[in-house]
Amino acid sequence: MYEVLIVACLITSPADCKTFEVPLYHYETLHQCSVMAQLNAVEWASHEPDWRIRRFICAPMGSAI
């Protein structure tokens, strides 16, 4: 299974960055995750206005960037 990992930094403190696992979205294949990752990142950003996304990737569940 794959999940979307987002690296985001605080807008008010750009050096303060964190990796977030996007909840509720888990994909069986890397292809499925790759197709949906951008939409998941946009949805996540709409709920986290204090953070700016630096990058996002699909990774096996439980892995870290």
PDB file of N, CA and C in Angstrom:
ATOM      1  N   MET A   1       0.840  -1.174   0.000  1.00  0.00           N
ATOM      2  CA  MET A   1       0.000   0.000   0.000  1.00  0.00           C
ATOM      3  C   MET A   1       0.895   1.250   0.000  1.00  0.00           C
ATOM      4  N   TYR A   2       0.375   2.288  -0.628  1.00  0.00           N
ATOM      5  CA  TYR A   2       1.094   3.556  -0.739  1.00  0.00           C
ATOM      6  C   TYR A   2       0.273   4.685  -0.128  1.00  0.00           C
ATOM      7  N   GLU A   3       0.955   5.708   0.320  1.00  0.00           N
ATOM      8  CA  GLU A   3       0.308   6.883   0.874  1.00  0.00           C
ATOM      9  C   GLU A   3       1.007   8.133   0.346  1.00  0.00           C
ATOM     10  N   VAL A   4       0.332   9.268   0.439  1.00  0.00           N
ATOM     11  CA  VAL A   4       0.895  10.544   0.017  1.00  0.00           C
ATOM     12  C   VAL A   4       1.576  11.183   1.219  1.00  0.00           C
ATOM     13  N   LEU A   5       2.844  11.549   1.046  1.00  0.00           N
ATOM     14  CA  LEU A   5       3.591  12.278   2.066  1.00  0.00           C
ATOM     15  C   LEU A   5       3.803  13.698   1.560  1.00  0.00           C
ATOM     16  N   ILE A   6       3.520  14.667   2.420  1.00  0.00           N
ATOM     17  CA  ILE A   6       3.652  16.074   2.053  1.00  0.00           C
ATOM     18  C   ILE A   6       4.705  16.716   2.938  1.00  0.00           C
ATOM     19  N   VAL A   7       5.658  17.394   2.318  1.00  0.00           N
ATOM     20  CA  VAL A   7       6.606  18.223   3.063  1.00  0.00           C
ATOM     21  C   VAL A   7       6.105  19.646   2.926  1.00  0.00           C
ATOM     22  N   ALA A   8       5.791  20.260   4.075  1.00  0.00           N
ATOM     23  CA  ALA A   8       5.249  21.618   4.077  1.00  0.00           C
ATOM     24  C   ALA A   8       5.978  22.452   5.123  1.00  0.00           C
ATOM     25  N   CYS A   9       6.031  23.762   4.862  1.00  0.00           N
ATOM     26  CA  CYS A   9       6.700  24.697   5.764  1.00  0.00           C
ATOM     27  C   CYS A   9       5.698  25.767   6.181  1.00  0.00           C
ATOM     28  N   LEU A  10       5.871  26.240   7.412  1.00  0.00           N
ATOM     29  CA  LEU A  10       5.006  27.308   7.892  1.00  0.00           C
ATOM     30  C   LEU A  10       5.203  28.563   7.043  1.00  0.00           C
ATOM     31  N   ILE A  11       4.128  29.206   6.679  1.00  0.00           N
ATOM     32  CA  ILE A  11       4.214  30.428   5.878  1.00  0.00           C
ATOM     33  C   ILE A  11       4.936  31.515   6.666  1.00  0.00           C
ATOM     34  N   THR A  12       4.684  31.588   7.963  1.00  0.00           N
ATOM     35  CA  THR A  12       5.296  32.626   8.799  1.00  0.00           C
ATOM     36  C   THR A  12       6.736  32.317   9.189  1.00  0.00           C
ATOM     37  N   SER A  13       7.160  31.065   8.995  1.00  0.00           N
ATOM     38  CA  SER A  13       8.518  30.648   9.335  1.00  0.00           C
ATOM     39  C   SER A  13       8.973  29.592   8.331  1.00  0.00           C
ATOM     40  N   PRO A  14       9.386  30.010   7.142  1.00  0.00           N
ATOM     41  CA  PRO A  14       9.689  29.073   6.047  1.00  0.00           C
ATOM     42  C   PRO A  14      10.740  28.013   6.361  1.00  0.00           C
ATOM     43  N   ALA A  15      11.569  28.247   7.362  1.00  0.00           N
ATOM     44  CA  ALA A  15      12.581  27.245   7.721  1.00  0.00           C
ATOM     45  C   ALA A  15      11.998  26.136   8.606  1.00  0.00           C
ATOM     46  N   ASP A  16      10.791  26.338   9.111  1.00  0.00           N
ATOM     47  CA  ASP A  16      10.133  25.370   9.971  1.00  0.00           C
ATOM     48  C   ASP A  16       9.271  24.443   9.121  1.00  0.00           C
ATOM     49  N   CYS A  17       9.855  23.303   8.715  1.00  0.00           N
ATOM     50  CA  CYS A  17       9.181  22.370   7.807  1.00  0.00           C
ATOM     51  C   CYS A  17       8.891  21.051   8.518  1.00  0.00           C
ATOM     52  N   LYS A  18       7.903  20.350   7.991  1.00  0.00           N
ATOM     53  CA  LYS A  18       7.457  19.109   8.604  1.00  0.00           C
ATOM     54  C   LYS A  18       6.915  18.185   7.513  1.00  0.00           C
ATOM     55  N   THR A  19       7.011  16.890   7.743  1.00  0.00           N
ATOM     56  CA  THR A  19       6.430  15.904   6.832  1.00  0.00           C
ATOM     57  C   THR A  19       5.089  15.437   7.393  1.00  0.00           C
ATOM     58  N   PHE A  20       4.073  15.461   6.549  1.00  0.00           N
ATOM     59  CA  PHE A  20       2.728  15.043   6.939  1.00  0.00           C
ATOM     60  C   PHE A  20       2.309  13.843   6.112  1.00  0.00           C
ATOM     61  N   GLU A  21       1.666  12.890   6.755  1.00  0.00           N
ATOM     62  CA  GLU A  21       1.026  11.792   6.045  1.00  0.00           C
ATOM     63  C   GLU A  21      -0.402  12.236   5.775  1.00  0.00           C
ATOM     64  N   VAL A  22      -0.850  12.113   4.541  1.00  0.00           N
ATOM     65  CA  VAL A  22      -2.215  12.502   4.209  1.00  0.00           C
ATOM     66  C   VAL A  22      -3.149  11.396   4.695  1.00  0.00           C
ATOM     67  N   PRO A  23      -4.027  11.709   5.654  1.00  0.00           N
ATOM     68  CA  PRO A  23      -4.888  10.662   6.204  1.00  0.00           C
ATOM     69  C   PRO A  23      -5.995  10.238   5.234  1.00  0.00           C
ATOM     70  N   LEU A  24      -6.450   9.048   5.417  1.00  0.00           N
ATOM     71  CA  LEU A  24      -7.605   8.486   4.711  1.00  0.00           C
ATOM     72  C   LEU A  24      -7.349   8.081   3.270  1.00  0.00           C
ATOM     73  N   TYR A  25      -6.214   8.422   2.712  1.00  0.00           N
ATOM     74  CA  TYR A  25      -5.937   8.054   1.327  1.00  0.00           C
ATOM     75  C   TYR A  25      -4.806   7.039   1.285  1.00  0.00           C
ATOM     76  N   HIS A  26      -5.155   5.799   0.987  1.00  0.00           N
ATOM     77  CA  HIS A  26      -4.167   4.750   0.840  1.00  0.00           C
ATOM     78  C   HIS A  26      -4.457   4.026  -0.468  1.00  0.00           C
ATOM     79  N   TYR A  27      -3.406   3.741  -1.215  1.00  0.00           N
ATOM     80  CA  TYR A  27      -3.555   3.193  -2.561  1.00  0.00           C
ATOM     81  C   TYR A  27      -2.818   1.870  -2.680  1.00  0.00           C
ATOM     82  N   GLU A  28      -3.402   0.970  -3.433  1.00  0.00           N
ATOM     83  CA  GLU A  28      -2.817  -0.349  -3.638  1.00  0.00           C
ATOM     84  C   GLU A  28      -1.540  -0.297  -4.478  1.00  0.00           C
ATOM     85  N   THR A  29      -1.512   0.594  -5.478  1.00  0.00           N
ATOM     86  CA  THR A  29      -0.362   0.634  -6.381  1.00  0.00           C
ATOM     87  C   THR A  29       0.252   2.031  -6.414  1.00  0.00           C
ATOM     88  N   LEU A  30       1.508   2.077  -6.798  1.00  0.00           N
ATOM     89  CA  LEU A  30       2.198   3.352  -6.941  1.00  0.00           C
ATOM     90  C   LEU A  30       1.540   4.196  -8.022  1.00  0.00           C
ATOM     91  N   HIS A  31       1.062   3.558  -9.070  1.00  0.00           N
ATOM     92  CA  HIS A  31       0.379   4.287 -10.147  1.00  0.00           C
ATOM     93  C   HIS A  31      -0.882   4.980  -9.630  1.00  0.00           C
ATOM     94  N   GLN A  32      -1.709   4.274  -8.871  1.00  0.00           N
ATOM     95  CA  GLN A  32      -2.927   4.884  -8.311  1.00  0.00           C
ATOM     96  C   GLN A  32      -2.566   6.091  -7.451  1.00  0.00           C
ATOM     97  N   CYS A  33      -1.558   5.935  -6.622  1.00  0.00           N
ATOM     98  CA  CYS A  33      -1.139   7.026  -5.754  1.00  0.00           C
ATOM     99  C   CYS A  33      -0.637   8.204  -6.577  1.00  0.00           C
ATOM    100  N   SER A  34       0.168   7.939  -7.579  1.00  0.00           N
ATOM    101  CA  SER A  34       0.719   9.004  -8.423  1.00  0.00           C
ATOM    102  C   SER A  34      -0.372   9.794  -9.131  1.00  0.00           C
ATOM    103  N   VAL A  35      -1.404   9.108  -9.577  1.00  0.00           N
ATOM    104  CA  VAL A  35      -2.502   9.768 -10.284  1.00  0.00           C
ATOM    105  C   VAL A  35      -3.273  10.692  -9.341  1.00  0.00           C
ATOM    106  N   MET A  36      -3.445  10.286  -8.090  1.00  0.00           N
ATOM    107  CA  MET A  36      -4.286  11.033  -7.157  1.00  0.00           C
ATOM    108  C   MET A  36      -3.525  11.976  -6.224  1.00  0.00           C
ATOM    109  N   ALA A  37      -2.213  11.886  -6.172  1.00  0.00           N
ATOM    110  CA  ALA A  37      -1.425  12.639  -5.185  1.00  0.00           C
ATOM    111  C   ALA A  37      -1.633  14.148  -5.266  1.00  0.00           C
ATOM    112  N   GLN A  38      -1.661  14.697  -6.467  1.00  0.00           N
ATOM    113  CA  GLN A  38      -1.824  16.148  -6.593  1.00  0.00           C
ATOM    114  C   GLN A  38      -3.172  16.605  -6.035  1.00  0.00           C
ATOM    115  N   LEU A  39      -4.232  15.872  -6.335  1.00  0.00           N
ATOM    116  CA  LEU A  39      -5.547  16.222  -5.799  1.00  0.00           C
ATOM    117  C   LEU A  39      -5.578  16.111  -4.278  1.00  0.00           C
ATOM    118  N   ASN A  40      -4.931  15.072  -3.744  1.00  0.00           N
ATOM    119  CA  ASN A  40      -4.870  14.916  -2.290  1.00  0.00           C
ATOM    120  C   ASN A  40      -4.105  16.061  -1.653  1.00  0.00           C
ATOM    121  N   ALA A  41      -3.019  16.497  -2.274  1.00  0.00           N
ATOM    122  CA  ALA A  41      -2.222  17.607  -1.748  1.00  0.00           C
ATOM    123  C   ALA A  41      -3.022  18.915  -1.761  1.00  0.00           C
ATOM    124  N   VAL A  42      -3.763  19.159  -2.823  1.00  0.00           N
ATOM    125  CA  VAL A  42      -4.585  20.368  -2.905  1.00  0.00           C
ATOM    126  C   VAL A  42      -5.659  20.344  -1.817  1.00  0.00           C
ATOM    127  N   GLU A  43      -6.298  19.207  -1.621  1.00  0.00           N
ATOM    128  CA  GLU A  43      -7.316  19.105  -0.576  1.00  0.00           C
ATOM    129  C   GLU A  43      -6.696  19.338   0.800  1.00  0.00           C
ATOM    130  N   TRP A  44      -5.525  18.733   1.049  1.00  0.00           N
ATOM    131  CA  TRP A  44      -4.842  18.918   2.325  1.00  0.00           C
ATOM    132  C   TRP A  44      -4.538  20.400   2.548  1.00  0.00           C
ATOM    133  N   ALA A  45      -4.017  21.076   1.528  1.00  0.00           N
ATOM    134  CA  ALA A  45      -3.653  22.495   1.640  1.00  0.00           C
ATOM    135  C   ALA A  45      -4.865  23.369   1.948  1.00  0.00           C
ATOM    136  N   SER A  46      -6.028  22.985   1.448  1.00  0.00           N
ATOM    137  CA  SER A  46      -7.228  23.786   1.709  1.00  0.00           C
ATOM    138  C   SER A  46      -7.634  23.735   3.190  1.00  0.00           C
ATOM    139  N   HIS A  47      -7.183  22.705   3.914  1.00  0.00           N
ATOM    140  CA  HIS A  47      -7.489  22.571   5.337  1.00  0.00           C
ATOM    141  C   HIS A  47      -6.341  23.037   6.229  1.00  0.00           C
ATOM    142  N   GLU A  48      -5.210  23.375   5.633  1.00  0.00           N
ATOM    143  CA  GLU A  48      -4.024  23.774   6.397  1.00  0.00           C
ATOM    144  C   GLU A  48      -3.484  25.109   5.859  1.00  0.00           C
ATOM    145  N   PRO A  49      -4.201  26.210   6.080  1.00  0.00           N
ATOM    146  CA  PRO A  49      -3.820  27.491   5.463  1.00  0.00           C
ATOM    147  C   PRO A  49      -2.510  28.086   5.984  1.00  0.00           C
ATOM    148  N   ASP A  50      -1.996  27.616   7.120  1.00  0.00           N
ATOM    149  CA  ASP A  50      -0.751  28.157   7.660  1.00  0.00           C
ATOM    150  C   ASP A  50       0.497  27.511   7.067  1.00  0.00           C
ATOM    151  N   TRP A  51       0.294  26.487   6.246  1.00  0.00           N
ATOM    152  CA  TRP A  51       1.412  25.723   5.695  1.00  0.00           C
ATOM    153  C   TRP A  51       1.489  25.891   4.182  1.00  0.00           C
ATOM    154  N   ARG A  52       2.699  25.891   3.657  1.00  0.00           N
ATOM    155  CA  ARG A  52       2.935  25.931   2.208  1.00  0.00           C
ATOM    156  C   ARG A  52       3.625  24.630   1.813  1.00  0.00           C
ATOM    157  N   ILE A  53       3.061  23.940   0.846  1.00  0.00           N
ATOM    158  CA  ILE A  53       3.625  22.665   0.396  1.00  0.00           C
ATOM    159  C   ILE A  53       4.916  22.919  -0.388  1.00  0.00           C
ATOM    160  N   ARG A  54       5.973  22.225   0.020  1.00  0.00           N
ATOM    161  CA  ARG A  54       7.256  22.267  -0.701  1.00  0.00           C
ATOM    162  C   ARG A  54       7.335  21.140  -1.728  1.00  0.00           C
ATOM    163  N   ARG A  55       6.867  19.959  -1.308  1.00  0.00           N
ATOM    164  CA  ARG A  55       6.838  18.820  -2.238  1.00  0.00           C
ATOM    165  C   ARG A  55       5.923  17.751  -1.679  1.00  0.00           C
ATOM    166  N   PHE A  56       5.553  16.824  -2.523  1.00  0.00           N
ATOM    167  CA  PHE A  56       4.776  15.677  -2.078  1.00  0.00           C
ATOM    168  C   PHE A  56       5.195  14.480  -2.906  1.00  0.00           C
ATOM    169  N   ILE A  57       5.124  13.329  -2.288  1.00  0.00           N
ATOM    170  CA  ILE A  57       5.514  12.092  -2.973  1.00  0.00           C
ATOM    171  C   ILE A  57       4.578  10.964  -2.544  1.00  0.00           C
ATOM    172  N   CYS A  58       4.588   9.905  -3.317  1.00  0.00           N
ATOM    173  CA  CYS A  58       3.950   8.666  -2.925  1.00  0.00           C
ATOM    174  C   CYS A  58       5.041   7.761  -2.367  1.00  0.00           C
ATOM    175  N   ALA A  59       4.737   7.116  -1.260  1.00  0.00           N
ATOM    176  CA  ALA A  59       5.721   6.241  -0.617  1.00  0.00           C
ATOM    177  C   ALA A  59       5.001   5.053   0.009  1.00  0.00           C
ATOM    178  N   PRO A  60       5.713   3.962   0.191  1.00  0.00           N
ATOM    179  CA  PRO A  60       5.090   2.834   0.890  1.00  0.00           C
ATOM    180  C   PRO A  60       4.631   3.284   2.273  1.00  0.00           C
ATOM    181  N   MET A  61       3.492   2.784   2.721  1.00  0.00           N
ATOM    182  CA  MET A  61       2.946   3.190   4.022  1.00  0.00           C
ATOM    183  C   MET A  61       3.964   2.954   5.114  1.00  0.00           C
ATOM    184  N   GLY A  62       4.065   3.939   6.013  1.00  0.00           N
ATOM    185  CA  GLY A  62       4.970   3.826   7.147  1.00  0.00           C
ATOM    186  C   GLY A  62       6.389   4.263   6.874  1.00  0.00           C
ATOM    187  N   SER A  63       6.692   4.645   5.653  1.00  0.00           N
ATOM    188  CA  SER A  63       8.062   5.089   5.360  1.00  0.00           C
ATOM    189  C   SER A  63       8.170   6.589   5.627  1.00  0.00           C
ATOM    190  N   ALA A  64       9.386   7.061   5.704  1.00  0.00           N
ATOM    191  CA  ALA A  64       9.629   8.491   5.940  1.00  0.00           C
ATOM    192  C   ALA A  64      10.467   9.043   4.809  1.00  0.00           C
ATOM    193  N   ILE A  65      10.351  10.344   4.619  1.00  0.00           N
ATOM    194  CA  ILE A  65      11.144  10.995   3.558  1.00  0.00           C
ATOM    195  C   ILE A  65      12.539  11.222   4.076  1.00  0.00           C
TER     196      ILE A  65
END
